[in-house]
PDB file of N, CA and C in Angstrom:
ATOM      1  N   MET A   1      83.051  23.392 -47.654  1.00  0.00           N
ATOM      2  CA  MET A   1      82.186  22.283 -47.965  1.00  0.00           C
ATOM      3  C   MET A   1      82.894  20.944 -47.731  1.00  0.00           C
ATOM      4  N   GLU A   2      84.230  20.917 -47.980  1.00  0.00           N
ATOM      5  CA  GLU A   2      84.945  19.659 -47.822  1.00  0.00           C
ATOM      6  C   GLU A   2      84.914  19.219 -46.360  1.00  0.00           C
ATOM      7  N   LYS A   3      84.925  20.173 -45.453  1.00  0.00           N
ATOM      8  CA  LYS A   3      84.838  19.867 -44.023  1.00  0.00           C
ATOM      9  C   LYS A   3      83.557  19.120 -43.714  1.00  0.00           C
ATOM     10  N   TYR A   4      82.456  19.580 -44.263  1.00  0.00           N
ATOM     11  CA  TYR A   4      81.165  18.917 -44.036  1.00  0.00           C
ATOM     12  C   TYR A   4      81.092  17.558 -44.686  1.00  0.00           C
ATOM     13  N   ALA A   5      81.684  17.455 -45.883  1.00  0.00           N
ATOM     14  CA  ALA A   5      81.704  16.162 -46.582  1.00  0.00           C
ATOM     15  C   ALA A   5      82.436  15.118 -45.775  1.00  0.00           C
ATOM     16  N   LYS A   6      83.579  15.501 -45.204  1.00  0.00           N
ATOM     17  CA  LYS A   6      84.326  14.550 -44.374  1.00  0.00           C
ATOM     18  C   LYS A   6      83.560  14.168 -43.179  1.00  0.00           C
ATOM     19  N   LEU A   7      82.930  15.119 -42.529  1.00  0.00           N
ATOM     20  CA  LEU A   7      82.132  14.841 -41.317  1.00  0.00           C
ATOM     21  C   LEU A   7      80.973  13.918 -41.626  1.00  0.00           C
ATOM     22  N   ILE A   8      80.257  14.157 -42.700  1.00  0.00           N
ATOM     23  CA  ILE A   8      79.140  13.294 -43.056  1.00  0.00           C
ATOM     24  C   ILE A   8      79.625  11.877 -43.434  1.00  0.00           C
ATOM     25  N   LEU A   9      80.691  11.776 -44.159  1.00  0.00           N
ATOM     26  CA  LEU A   9      81.278  10.508 -44.518  1.00  0.00           C
ATOM     27  C   LEU A   9      81.718   9.763 -43.284  1.00  0.00           C
ATOM     28  N   ARG A  10      82.399  10.400 -42.373  1.00  0.00           N
ATOM     29  CA  ARG A  10      82.828   9.766 -41.126  1.00  0.00           C
ATOM     30  C   ARG A  10      81.665   9.290 -40.295  1.00  0.00           C
ATOM     31  N   PHE A  11      80.621  10.174 -40.135  1.00  0.00           N
ATOM     32  CA  PHE A  11      79.474   9.801 -39.335  1.00  0.00           C
ATOM     33  C   PHE A  11      78.716   8.618 -39.951  1.00  0.00           C
ATOM     34  N   GLY A  12      78.489   8.670 -41.219  1.00  0.00           N
ATOM     35  CA  GLY A  12      77.748   7.570 -41.907  1.00  0.00           C
ATOM     36  C   GLY A  12      78.477   6.250 -41.752  1.00  0.00           C
ATOM     37  N   LEU A  13      79.767   6.257 -42.048  1.00  0.00           N
ATOM     38  CA  LEU A  13      80.519   4.994 -41.931  1.00  0.00           C
ATOM     39  C   LEU A  13      80.639   4.552 -40.479  1.00  0.00           C
ATOM     40  N   GLY A  14      80.730   5.503 -39.554  1.00  0.00           N
ATOM     41  CA  GLY A  14      80.793   5.196 -38.143  1.00  0.00           C
ATOM     42  C   GLY A  14      79.494   4.479 -37.688  1.00  0.00           C
ATOM     43  N   MET A  15      78.367   4.922 -38.192  1.00  0.00           N
ATOM     44  CA  MET A  15      77.083   4.300 -37.859  1.00  0.00           C
ATOM     45  C   MET A  15      77.057   2.860 -38.350  1.00  0.00           C
ATOM     46  N   VAL A  16      77.566   2.642 -39.560  1.00  0.00           N
ATOM     47  CA  VAL A  16      77.598   1.235 -40.095  1.00  0.00           C
ATOM     48  C   VAL A  16      78.479   0.339 -39.224  1.00  0.00           C
ATOM     49  N   PHE A  17      79.663   0.826 -38.906  1.00  0.00           N
ATOM     50  CA  PHE A  17      80.559  -0.008 -38.080  1.00  0.00           C
ATOM     51  C   PHE A  17      79.985  -0.212 -36.671  1.00  0.00           C
ATOM     52  N   LEU A  18      79.385   0.795 -36.098  1.00  0.00           N
ATOM     53  CA  LEU A  18      78.784   0.646 -34.771  1.00  0.00           C
ATOM     54  C   LEU A  18      77.629  -0.322 -34.814  1.00  0.00           C
ATOM     55  N   TYR A  19      76.784  -0.211 -35.815  1.00  0.00           N
ATOM     56  CA  TYR A  19      75.630  -1.140 -35.923  1.00  0.00           C
ATOM     57  C   TYR A  19      76.059  -2.579 -35.975  1.00  0.00           C
ATOM     58  N   PHE A  20      77.064  -2.874 -36.834  1.00  0.00           N
ATOM     59  CA  PHE A  20      77.519  -4.275 -36.942  1.00  0.00           C
ATOM     60  C   PHE A  20      78.283  -4.706 -35.701  1.00  0.00           C
ATOM     61  N   GLY A  21      79.062  -3.860 -35.113  1.00  0.00           N
ATOM     62  CA  GLY A  21      79.807  -4.209 -33.878  1.00  0.00           C
ATOM     63  C   GLY A  21      78.908  -4.541 -32.743  1.00  0.00           C
ATOM     64  N   VAL A  22      77.902  -3.688 -32.503  1.00  0.00           N
ATOM     65  CA  VAL A  22      77.002  -3.918 -31.383  1.00  0.00           C
ATOM     66  C   VAL A  22      76.104  -5.146 -31.672  1.00  0.00           C
ATOM     67  N   GLY A  23      75.694  -5.309 -32.913  1.00  0.00           N
ATOM     68  CA  GLY A  23      74.932  -6.505 -33.284  1.00  0.00           C
ATOM     69  C   GLY A  23      75.660  -7.789 -33.022  1.00  0.00           C
ATOM     70  N   GLN A  24      76.928  -7.775 -33.348  1.00  0.00           N
ATOM     71  CA  GLN A  24      77.778  -8.981 -33.087  1.00  0.00           C
ATOM     72  C   GLN A  24      77.967  -9.240 -31.615  1.00  0.00           C
ATOM     73  N   LEU A  25      78.110  -8.198 -30.837  1.00  0.00           N
ATOM     74  CA  LEU A  25      78.265  -8.395 -29.391  1.00  0.00           C
ATOM     75  C   LEU A  25      76.993  -8.927 -28.740  1.00  0.00           C
ATOM     76  N   LEU A  26      75.819  -8.412 -29.208  1.00  0.00           N
ATOM     77  CA  LEU A  26      74.545  -8.820 -28.580  1.00  0.00           C
ATOM     78  C   LEU A  26      74.052 -10.191 -29.037  1.00  0.00           C
ATOM     79  N   SER A  27      74.346 -10.582 -30.290  1.00  0.00           N
ATOM     80  CA  SER A  27      73.828 -11.828 -30.828  1.00  0.00           C
ATOM     81  C   SER A  27      74.920 -12.491 -31.693  1.00  0.00           C
ATOM     82  N   PRO A  28      76.011 -12.947 -31.092  1.00  0.00           N
ATOM     83  CA  PRO A  28      77.094 -13.506 -31.871  1.00  0.00           C
ATOM     84  C   PRO A  28      76.698 -14.715 -32.669  1.00  0.00           C
ATOM     85  N   GLU A  29      75.717 -15.506 -32.195  1.00  0.00           N
ATOM     86  CA  GLU A  29      75.321 -16.691 -32.941  1.00  0.00           C
ATOM     87  C   GLU A  29      74.706 -16.419 -34.289  1.00  0.00           C
ATOM     88  N   LYS A  30      74.133 -15.235 -34.428  1.00  0.00           N
ATOM     89  CA  LYS A  30      73.557 -14.836 -35.754  1.00  0.00           C
ATOM     90  C   LYS A  30      74.593 -14.570 -36.817  1.00  0.00           C
ATOM     91  N   TRP A  31      75.857 -14.402 -36.391  1.00  0.00           N
ATOM     92  CA  TRP A  31      76.896 -14.019 -37.328  1.00  0.00           C
ATOM     93  C   TRP A  31      77.849 -15.172 -37.669  1.00  0.00           C
ATOM     94  N   ILE A  32      77.713 -16.248 -36.993  1.00  0.00           N
ATOM     95  CA  ILE A  32      78.629 -17.415 -37.184  1.00  0.00           C
ATOM     96  C   ILE A  32      78.583 -17.889 -38.593  1.00  0.00           C
ATOM     97  N   ALA A  33      77.382 -17.936 -39.231  1.00  0.00           N
ATOM     98  CA  ALA A  33      77.259 -18.452 -40.590  1.00  0.00           C
ATOM     99  C   ALA A  33      78.041 -17.585 -41.611  1.00  0.00           C
ATOM    100  N   LEU A  34      78.353 -16.363 -41.264  1.00  0.00           N
ATOM    101  CA  LEU A  34      79.085 -15.485 -42.175  1.00  0.00           C
ATOM    102  C   LEU A  34      80.588 -15.629 -42.137  1.00  0.00           C
ATOM    103  N   LEU A  35      81.067 -16.370 -41.152  1.00  0.00           N
ATOM    104  CA  LEU A  35      82.524 -16.603 -41.033  1.00  0.00           C
ATOM    105  C   LEU A  35      82.991 -17.442 -42.184  1.00  0.00           C
ATOM    106  N   PRO A  36      84.187 -17.086 -42.720  1.00  0.00           N
ATOM    107  CA  PRO A  36      84.786 -17.974 -43.775  1.00  0.00           C
ATOM    108  C   PRO A  36      85.110 -19.336 -43.126  1.00  0.00           C
ATOM    109  N   ASP A  37      85.088 -20.359 -44.027  1.00  0.00           N
ATOM    110  CA  ASP A  37      85.306 -21.747 -43.567  1.00  0.00           C
ATOM    111  C   ASP A  37      86.618 -21.925 -42.779  1.00  0.00           C
ATOM    112  N   PHE A  38      87.683 -21.262 -43.238  1.00  0.00           N
ATOM    113  CA  PHE A  38      88.948 -21.463 -42.530  1.00  0.00           C
ATOM    114  C   PHE A  38      88.937 -20.941 -41.096  1.00  0.00           C
ATOM    115  N   LEU A  39      88.055 -20.018 -40.770  1.00  0.00           N
ATOM    116  CA  LEU A  39      87.932 -19.583 -39.408  1.00  0.00           C
ATOM    117  C   LEU A  39      86.935 -20.469 -38.621  1.00  0.00           C
ATOM    118  N   SER A  40      85.904 -20.938 -39.325  1.00  0.00           N
ATOM    119  CA  SER A  40      84.882 -21.764 -38.668  1.00  0.00           C
ATOM    120  C   SER A  40      85.502 -23.087 -38.203  1.00  0.00           C
ATOM    121  N   ASN A  41      86.535 -23.552 -38.845  1.00  0.00           N
ATOM    122  CA  ASN A  41      87.112 -24.847 -38.485  1.00  0.00           C
ATOM    123  C   ASN A  41      88.164 -24.707 -37.409  1.00  0.00           C
ATOM    124  N   LEU A  42      88.416 -23.545 -36.889  1.00  0.00           N
ATOM    125  CA  LEU A  42      89.528 -23.373 -35.935  1.00  0.00           C
ATOM    126  C   LEU A  42      89.091 -23.574 -34.461  1.00  0.00           C
ATOM    127  N   GLY A  43      87.829 -23.708 -34.172  1.00  0.00           N
ATOM    128  CA  GLY A  43      87.431 -23.927 -32.807  1.00  0.00           C
ATOM    129  C   GLY A  43      86.346 -23.001 -32.352  1.00  0.00           C
ATOM    130  N   ASN A  44      86.573 -22.280 -31.277  1.00  0.00           N
ATOM    131  CA  ASN A  44      85.598 -21.398 -30.676  1.00  0.00           C
ATOM    132  C   ASN A  44      85.282 -20.208 -31.626  1.00  0.00           C
ATOM    133  N   VAL A  45      84.229 -20.367 -32.387  1.00  0.00           N
ATOM    134  CA  VAL A  45      83.932 -19.350 -33.436  1.00  0.00           C
ATOM    135  C   VAL A  45      83.385 -18.078 -32.813  1.00  0.00           C
ATOM    136  N   LYS A  46      82.803 -18.153 -31.652  1.00  0.00           N
ATOM    137  CA  LYS A  46      82.305 -16.875 -31.036  1.00  0.00           C
ATOM    138  C   LYS A  46      83.451 -15.940 -30.710  1.00  0.00           C
ATOM    139  N   TYR A  47      84.617 -16.508 -30.444  1.00  0.00           N
ATOM    140  CA  TYR A  47      85.812 -15.680 -30.207  1.00  0.00           C
ATOM    141  C   TYR A  47      86.063 -14.725 -31.406  1.00  0.00           C
ATOM    142  N   PHE A  48      85.963 -15.281 -32.611  1.00  0.00           N
ATOM    143  CA  PHE A  48      86.216 -14.442 -33.814  1.00  0.00           C
ATOM    144  C   PHE A  48      85.113 -13.402 -34.002  1.00  0.00           C
ATOM    145  N   ILE A  49      83.886 -13.739 -33.645  1.00  0.00           N
ATOM    146  CA  ILE A  49      82.804 -12.782 -33.721  1.00  0.00           C
ATOM    147  C   ILE A  49      83.024 -11.643 -32.733  1.00  0.00           C
ATOM    148  N   TYR A  50      83.413 -11.974 -31.508  1.00  0.00           N
ATOM    149  CA  TYR A  50      83.676 -10.913 -30.504  1.00  0.00           C
ATOM    150  C   TYR A  50      84.884 -10.068 -30.885  1.00  0.00           C
ATOM    151  N   LEU A  51      85.869 -10.709 -31.462  1.00  0.00           N
ATOM    152  CA  LEU A  51      87.060  -9.971 -31.912  1.00  0.00           C
ATOM    153  C   LEU A  51      86.665  -8.992 -33.041  1.00  0.00           C
ATOM    154  N   ASN A  52      85.892  -9.450 -33.987  1.00  0.00           N
ATOM    155  CA  ASN A  52      85.432  -8.575 -35.075  1.00  0.00           C
ATOM    156  C   ASN A  52      84.556  -7.477 -34.555  1.00  0.00           C
ATOM    157  N   ALA A  53      83.668  -7.764 -33.593  1.00  0.00           N
ATOM    158  CA  ALA A  53      82.800  -6.762 -33.008  1.00  0.00           C
ATOM    159  C   ALA A  53      83.602  -5.680 -32.324  1.00  0.00           C
ATOM    160  N   THR A  54      84.632  -6.075 -31.602  1.00  0.00           N
ATOM    161  CA  THR A  54      85.498  -5.078 -30.939  1.00  0.00           C
ATOM    162  C   THR A  54      86.201  -4.202 -31.964  1.00  0.00           C
ATOM    163  N   PHE A  55      86.708  -4.832 -33.024  1.00  0.00           N
ATOM    164  CA  PHE A  55      87.316  -4.062 -34.064  1.00  0.00           C
ATOM    165  C   PHE A  55      86.367  -3.035 -34.682  1.00  0.00           C
ATOM    166  N   ASP A  56      85.166  -3.505 -35.025  1.00  0.00           N
ATOM    167  CA  ASP A  56      84.180  -2.650 -35.663  1.00  0.00           C
ATOM    168  C   ASP A  56      83.806  -1.436 -34.770  1.00  0.00           C
ATOM    169  N   ILE A  57      83.689  -1.665 -33.434  1.00  0.00           N
ATOM    170  CA  ILE A  57      83.402  -0.623 -32.535  1.00  0.00           C
ATOM    171  C   ILE A  57      84.556   0.377 -32.392  1.00  0.00           C
ATOM    172  N   LEU A  58      85.796  -0.157 -32.398  1.00  0.00           N
ATOM    173  CA  LEU A  58      86.949   0.731 -32.412  1.00  0.00           C
ATOM    174  C   LEU A  58      87.014   1.621 -33.628  1.00  0.00           C
ATOM    175  N   VAL A  59      86.691   1.057 -34.781  1.00  0.00           N
ATOM    176  CA  VAL A  59      86.674   1.851 -36.015  1.00  0.00           C
ATOM    177  C   VAL A  59      85.584   2.922 -35.914  1.00  0.00           C
ATOM    178  N   ALA A  60      84.412   2.532 -35.403  1.00  0.00           N
ATOM    179  CA  ALA A  60      83.292   3.494 -35.207  1.00  0.00           C
ATOM    180  C   ALA A  60      83.726   4.637 -34.299  1.00  0.00           C
ATOM    181  N   LEU A  61      84.358   4.308 -33.193  1.00  0.00           N
ATOM    182  CA  LEU A  61      84.787   5.385 -32.241  1.00  0.00           C
ATOM    183  C   LEU A  61      85.810   6.267 -32.886  1.00  0.00           C
ATOM    184  N   SER A  62      86.725   5.684 -33.626  1.00  0.00           N
ATOM    185  CA  SER A  62      87.724   6.511 -34.354  1.00  0.00           C
ATOM    186  C   SER A  62      87.035   7.496 -35.304  1.00  0.00           C
ATOM    187  N   LEU A  63      86.026   6.974 -36.048  1.00  0.00           N
ATOM    188  CA  LEU A  63      85.342   7.841 -37.011  1.00  0.00           C
ATOM    189  C   LEU A  63      84.516   8.915 -36.287  1.00  0.00           C
ATOM    190  N   PHE A  64      83.869   8.589 -35.207  1.00  0.00           N
ATOM    191  CA  PHE A  64      83.032   9.543 -34.503  1.00  0.00           C
ATOM    192  C   PHE A  64      83.832  10.669 -33.856  1.00  0.00           C
ATOM    193  N   PHE A  65      84.976  10.264 -33.264  1.00  0.00           N
ATOM    194  CA  PHE A  65      85.743  11.232 -32.456  1.00  0.00           C
ATOM    195  C   PHE A  65      86.996  11.737 -33.162  1.00  0.00           C
ATOM    196  N   ASP A  66      87.150  11.451 -34.461  1.00  0.00           N
ATOM    197  CA  ASP A  66      88.259  11.981 -35.230  1.00  0.00           C
ATOM    198  C   ASP A  66      89.608  11.595 -34.625  1.00  0.00           C
ATOM    199  N   LEU A  67      89.724  10.349 -34.251  1.00  0.00           N
ATOM    200  CA  LEU A  67      90.966   9.870 -33.646  1.00  0.00           C
ATOM    201  C   LEU A  67      91.610   8.795 -34.492  1.00  0.00           C
ATOM    202  N   PHE A  68      92.875   8.908 -34.736  1.00  0.00           N
ATOM    203  CA  PHE A  68      93.663   7.944 -35.503  1.00  0.00           C
ATOM    204  C   PHE A  68      92.977   7.579 -36.805  1.00  0.00           C
ATOM    205  N   LEU A  69      92.416   8.583 -37.488  1.00  0.00           N
ATOM    206  CA  LEU A  69      91.635   8.343 -38.696  1.00  0.00           C
ATOM    207  C   LEU A  69      92.395   7.708 -39.826  1.00  0.00           C
ATOM    208  N   LYS A  70      93.650   8.058 -39.980  1.00  0.00           N
ATOM    209  CA  LYS A  70      94.434   7.526 -41.072  1.00  0.00           C
ATOM    210  C   LYS A  70      94.626   6.010 -40.835  1.00  0.00           C
ATOM    211  N   LEU A  71      94.977   5.647 -39.625  1.00  0.00           N
ATOM    212  CA  LEU A  71      95.174   4.266 -39.288  1.00  0.00           C
ATOM    213  C   LEU A  71      93.916   3.464 -39.435  1.00  0.00           C
ATOM    214  N   PHE A  72      92.799   3.897 -38.793  1.00  0.00           N
ATOM    215  CA  PHE A  72      91.575   3.116 -38.794  1.00  0.00           C
ATOM    216  C   PHE A  72      90.875   3.140 -40.091  1.00  0.00           C
ATOM    217  N   SER A  73      91.062   4.155 -40.909  1.00  0.00           N
ATOM    218  CA  SER A  73      90.389   4.140 -42.227  1.00  0.00           C
ATOM    219  C   SER A  73      91.074   3.134 -43.141  1.00  0.00           C
ATOM    220  N   ILE A  74      92.396   2.989 -43.063  1.00  0.00           N
ATOM    221  CA  ILE A  74      93.031   1.986 -43.923  1.00  0.00           C
ATOM    222  C   ILE A  74      92.763   0.587 -43.397  1.00  0.00           C
ATOM    223  N   LEU A  75      92.746   0.444 -42.077  1.00  0.00           N
ATOM    224  CA  LEU A  75      92.388  -0.880 -41.499  1.00  0.00           C
ATOM    225  C   LEU A  75      90.937  -1.236 -41.817  1.00  0.00           C
ATOM    226  N   GLY A  76      90.028  -0.255 -41.736  1.00  0.00           N
ATOM    227  CA  GLY A  76      88.651  -0.512 -42.098  1.00  0.00           C
ATOM    228  C   GLY A  76      88.503  -0.882 -43.542  1.00  0.00           C
ATOM    229  N   PHE A  77      89.221  -0.210 -44.406  1.00  0.00           N
ATOM    230  CA  PHE A  77      89.226  -0.535 -45.844  1.00  0.00           C
ATOM    231  C   PHE A  77      89.638  -2.001 -46.045  1.00  0.00           C
ATOM    232  N   LEU A  78      90.753  -2.409 -45.476  1.00  0.00           N
ATOM    233  CA  LEU A  78      91.274  -3.744 -45.600  1.00  0.00           C
ATOM    234  C   LEU A  78      90.309  -4.778 -45.033  1.00  0.00           C
ATOM    235  N   HIS A  79      89.728  -4.436 -43.888  1.00  0.00           N
ATOM    236  CA  HIS A  79      88.761  -5.295 -43.227  1.00  0.00           C
ATOM    237  C   HIS A  79      87.546  -5.578 -44.145  1.00  0.00           C
ATOM    238  N   LEU A  80      86.974  -4.498 -44.661  1.00  0.00           N
ATOM    239  CA  LEU A  80      85.796  -4.642 -45.508  1.00  0.00           C
ATOM    240  C   LEU A  80      86.162  -5.346 -46.842  1.00  0.00           C
ATOM    241  N   LEU A  81      87.299  -5.095 -47.339  1.00  0.00           N
ATOM    242  CA  LEU A  81      87.738  -5.716 -48.554  1.00  0.00           C
ATOM    243  C   LEU A  81      87.922  -7.255 -48.304  1.00  0.00           C
ATOM    244  N   GLY A  82      88.465  -7.580 -47.186  1.00  0.00           N
ATOM    245  CA  GLY A  82      88.632  -9.005 -46.791  1.00  0.00           C
ATOM    246  C   GLY A  82      87.313  -9.667 -46.640  1.00  0.00           C
ATOM    247  N   ILE A  83      86.347  -9.021 -46.002  1.00  0.00           N
ATOM    248  CA  ILE A  83      85.015  -9.605 -45.863  1.00  0.00           C
ATOM    249  C   ILE A  83      84.420  -9.878 -47.220  1.00  0.00           C
ATOM    250  N   SER A  84      84.545  -8.923 -48.101  1.00  0.00           N
ATOM    251  CA  SER A  84      83.981  -9.110 -49.456  1.00  0.00           C
ATOM    252  C   SER A  84      84.626 -10.219 -50.233  1.00  0.00           C
ATOM    253  N   LEU A  85      85.940 -10.343 -50.103  1.00  0.00           N
ATOM    254  CA  LEU A  85      86.640 -11.336 -50.873  1.00  0.00           C
ATOM    255  C   LEU A  85      86.593 -12.741 -50.279  1.00  0.00           C
ATOM    256  N   PHE A  86      86.643 -12.828 -48.940  1.00  0.00           N
ATOM    257  CA  PHE A  86      86.829 -14.151 -48.304  1.00  0.00           C
ATOM    258  C   PHE A  86      85.596 -14.650 -47.583  1.00  0.00           C
ATOM    259  N   SER A  87      84.645 -13.822 -47.344  1.00  0.00           N
ATOM    260  CA  SER A  87      83.449 -14.292 -46.594  1.00  0.00           C
ATOM    261  C   SER A  87      82.183 -14.217 -47.426  1.00  0.00           C
ATOM    262  N   LEU A  88      81.777 -13.045 -47.840  1.00  0.00           N
ATOM    263  CA  LEU A  88      80.533 -12.892 -48.512  1.00  0.00           C
ATOM    264  C   LEU A  88      80.622 -13.116 -50.034  1.00  0.00           C
ATOM    265  N   GLY A  89      81.739 -12.812 -50.591  1.00  0.00           N
ATOM    266  CA  GLY A  89      81.919 -12.936 -52.037  1.00  0.00           C
ATOM    267  C   GLY A  89      81.544 -11.620 -52.718  1.00  0.00           C
ATOM    268  N   VAL A  90      82.356 -11.157 -53.649  1.00  0.00           N
ATOM    269  CA  VAL A  90      82.155  -9.860 -54.292  1.00  0.00           C
ATOM    270  C   VAL A  90      80.955  -9.826 -55.166  1.00  0.00           C
ATOM    271  N   PHE A  91      80.427 -10.994 -55.553  1.00  0.00           N
ATOM    272  CA  PHE A  91      79.291 -11.023 -56.469  1.00  0.00           C
ATOM    273  C   PHE A  91      77.960 -11.233 -55.722  1.00  0.00           C
ATOM    274  N   SER A  92      78.015 -11.295 -54.418  1.00  0.00           N
ATOM    275  CA  SER A  92      76.725 -11.339 -53.671  1.00  0.00           C
ATOM    276  C   SER A  92      76.320  -9.866 -53.416  1.00  0.00           C
ATOM    277  N   PRO A  93      75.024  -9.673 -53.139  1.00  0.00           N
ATOM    278  CA  PRO A  93      74.547  -8.297 -52.828  1.00  0.00           C
ATOM    279  C   PRO A  93      75.294  -7.683 -51.651  1.00  0.00           C
ATOM    280  N   SER A  94      75.502  -8.459 -50.591  1.00  0.00           N
ATOM    281  CA  SER A  94      76.206  -7.939 -49.420  1.00  0.00           C
ATOM    282  C   SER A  94      77.661  -7.698 -49.723  1.00  0.00           C
ATOM    283  N   GLY A  95      78.290  -8.544 -50.512  1.00  0.00           N
ATOM    284  CA  GLY A  95      79.686  -8.355 -50.870  1.00  0.00           C
ATOM    285  C   GLY A  95      79.891  -7.094 -51.704  1.00  0.00           C
ATOM    286  N   ALA A  96      78.953  -6.865 -52.637  1.00  0.00           N
ATOM    287  CA  ALA A  96      79.038  -5.658 -53.447  1.00  0.00           C
ATOM    288  C   ALA A  96      78.885  -4.410 -52.585  1.00  0.00           C
ATOM    289  N   ARG A  97      77.974  -4.469 -51.620  1.00  0.00           N
ATOM    290  CA  ARG A  97      77.781  -3.324 -50.727  1.00  0.00           C
ATOM    291  C   ARG A  97      79.046  -3.070 -49.925  1.00  0.00           C
ATOM    292  N   ASP A  98      79.656  -4.109 -49.439  1.00  0.00           N
ATOM    293  CA  ASP A  98      80.850  -3.943 -48.631  1.00  0.00           C
ATOM    294  C   ASP A  98      82.064  -3.428 -49.458  1.00  0.00           C
ATOM    295  N   ILE A  99      82.079  -3.764 -50.724  1.00  0.00           N
ATOM    296  CA  ILE A  99      83.119  -3.198 -51.576  1.00  0.00           C
ATOM    297  C   ILE A  99      82.956  -1.683 -51.678  1.00  0.00           C
ATOM    298  N   GLY A 100      81.695  -1.245 -51.821  1.00  0.00           N
ATOM    299  CA  GLY A 100      81.399   0.220 -51.836  1.00  0.00           C
ATOM    300  C   GLY A 100      81.804   0.878 -50.508  1.00  0.00           C
ATOM    301  N   LEU A 101      81.444   0.243 -49.386  1.00  0.00           N
ATOM    302  CA  LEU A 101      81.845   0.763 -48.099  1.00  0.00           C
ATOM    303  C   LEU A 101      83.376   0.818 -47.931  1.00  0.00           C
ATOM    304  N   ALA A 102      84.009  -0.247 -48.424  1.00  0.00           N
ATOM    305  CA  ALA A 102      85.501  -0.321 -48.336  1.00  0.00           C
ATOM    306  C   ALA A 102      86.116   0.863 -49.056  1.00  0.00           C
ATOM    307  N   PHE A 103      85.603   1.167 -50.248  1.00  0.00           N
ATOM    308  CA  PHE A 103      86.196   2.308 -50.967  1.00  0.00           C
ATOM    309  C   PHE A 103      85.828   3.642 -50.367  1.00  0.00           C
ATOM    310  N   ALA A 104      84.736   3.719 -49.679  1.00  0.00           N
ATOM    311  CA  ALA A 104      84.427   4.945 -48.904  1.00  0.00           C
ATOM    312  C   ALA A 104      85.430   5.103 -47.786  1.00  0.00           C
ATOM    313  N   MET A 105      85.825   3.981 -47.122  1.00  0.00           N
ATOM    314  CA  MET A 105      86.858   4.054 -46.090  1.00  0.00           C
ATOM    315  C   MET A 105      88.190   4.478 -46.719  1.00  0.00           C
ATOM    316  N   LEU A 106      88.509   3.951 -47.888  1.00  0.00           N
ATOM    317  CA  LEU A 106      89.741   4.335 -48.530  1.00  0.00           C
ATOM    318  C   LEU A 106      89.752   5.822 -48.873  1.00  0.00           C
ATOM    319  N   SER A 107      88.603   6.374 -49.261  1.00  0.00           N
ATOM    320  CA  SER A 107      88.580   7.802 -49.554  1.00  0.00           C
ATOM    321  C   SER A 107      88.839   8.591 -48.303  1.00  0.00           C
ATOM    322  N   LEU A 108      88.373   8.114 -47.153  1.00  0.00           N
ATOM    323  CA  LEU A 108      88.739   8.795 -45.887  1.00  0.00           C
ATOM    324  C   LEU A 108      90.225   8.768 -45.644  1.00  0.00           C
ATOM    325  N   PHE A 109      90.825   7.610 -45.909  1.00  0.00           N
ATOM    326  CA  PHE A 109      92.287   7.530 -45.742  1.00  0.00           C
ATOM    327  C   PHE A 109      92.974   8.607 -46.582  1.00  0.00           C
ATOM    328  N   PHE A 110      92.567   8.798 -47.784  1.00  0.00           N
ATOM    329  CA  PHE A 110      93.197   9.820 -48.639  1.00  0.00           C
ATOM    330  C   PHE A 110      92.828  11.244 -48.234  1.00  0.00           C
ATOM    331  N   PHE A 111      91.657  11.431 -47.666  1.00  0.00           N
ATOM    332  CA  PHE A 111      91.293  12.741 -47.108  1.00  0.00           C
ATOM    333  C   PHE A 111      92.286  13.138 -46.021  1.00  0.00           C
ATOM    334  N   TYR A 112      92.725  12.156 -45.224  1.00  0.00           N
ATOM    335  CA  TYR A 112      93.550  12.427 -44.062  1.00  0.00           C
ATOM    336  C   TYR A 112      94.958  11.984 -44.314  1.00  0.00           C
ATOM    337  N   PHE A 113      95.346  11.776 -45.580  1.00  0.00           N
ATOM    338  CA  PHE A 113      96.656  11.240 -45.920  1.00  0.00           C
ATOM    339  C   PHE A 113      97.776  12.089 -45.365  1.00  0.00           C
ATOM    340  N   GLU A 114      97.634  13.397 -45.335  1.00  0.00           N
ATOM    341  CA  GLU A 114      98.697  14.288 -44.904  1.00  0.00           C
ATOM    342  C   GLU A 114      98.987  14.197 -43.439  1.00  0.00           C
ATOM    343  N   ARG A 115      98.095  13.621 -42.671  1.00  0.00           N
ATOM    344  CA  ARG A 115      98.276  13.520 -41.219  1.00  0.00           C
ATOM    345  C   ARG A 115      99.306  12.421 -40.904  1.00  0.00           C
ATOM    346  N   ASN A 116      99.974  12.591 -39.783  1.00  0.00           N
ATOM    347  CA  ASN A 116     100.820  11.567 -39.241  1.00  0.00           C
ATOM    348  C   ASN A 116      99.950  10.360 -38.883  1.00  0.00           C
ATOM    349  N   LEU A 117     100.422   9.099 -39.081  1.00  0.00           N
ATOM    350  CA  LEU A 117      99.645   7.909 -38.881  1.00  0.00           C
ATOM    351  C   LEU A 117      99.057   7.826 -37.479  1.00  0.00           C
ATOM    352  N   PHE A 118      99.776   8.177 -36.440  1.00  0.00           N
ATOM    353  CA  PHE A 118      99.301   7.987 -35.087  1.00  0.00           C
ATOM    354  C   PHE A 118      98.990   9.322 -34.401  1.00  0.00           C
ATOM    355  N   LYS A 119      98.951  10.399 -35.157  1.00  0.00           N
ATOM    356  CA  LYS A 119      98.602  11.689 -34.619  1.00  0.00           C
ATOM    357  C   LYS A 119      97.146  11.750 -34.247  1.00  0.00           C
ATOM    358  N   LEU A 120      96.787  12.314 -33.069  1.00  0.00           N
ATOM    359  CA  LEU A 120      95.406  12.343 -32.656  1.00  0.00           C
ATOM    360  C   LEU A 120      94.540  13.238 -33.541  1.00  0.00           C
ATOM    361  N   LYS A 121      94.983  14.397 -33.927  1.00  0.00           N
ATOM    362  CA  LYS A 121      94.187  15.308 -34.724  1.00  0.00           C
ATOM    363  C   LYS A 121      94.760  15.635 -36.055  1.00  0.00           C
TER     364      LYS A 121
END
C-alpha cells in the first residue's frame, strides 16, 4: 500500500506543479502581481515568472518520472514555504494551501530519505 500512496502523492503534487508552471509560461502577466515586492523592484519581472515556471515544471517532471525525488522534494518544499512566507502570506487562503502542499512535499522527501541525493532511482 505504501507504494501506491507514494505514487498518488507524487502524481497529485506533480499535477499542481505542472499546472502552475505551464500557466506561468502561457500567461506570465497574470502572475506578476503575486511576486514579492523585493523581486518586483529589480527590473524585468517576467524573467522571474519564467524562472519560476521552469522550476515548477522541473519539479513536476521529477515527480512524474521518479527522478531525483529527494533533491526536488526538498527544493519544492522550500519553494512552497518561501511562497507562503514571502509572497502570499501564511494567513491568506492561498498561503495556507501552499503550506499544506509544502508539507506534502516534505513528506515525499522523508519517504525517499534513504536514497542517495542524486541517484536516479
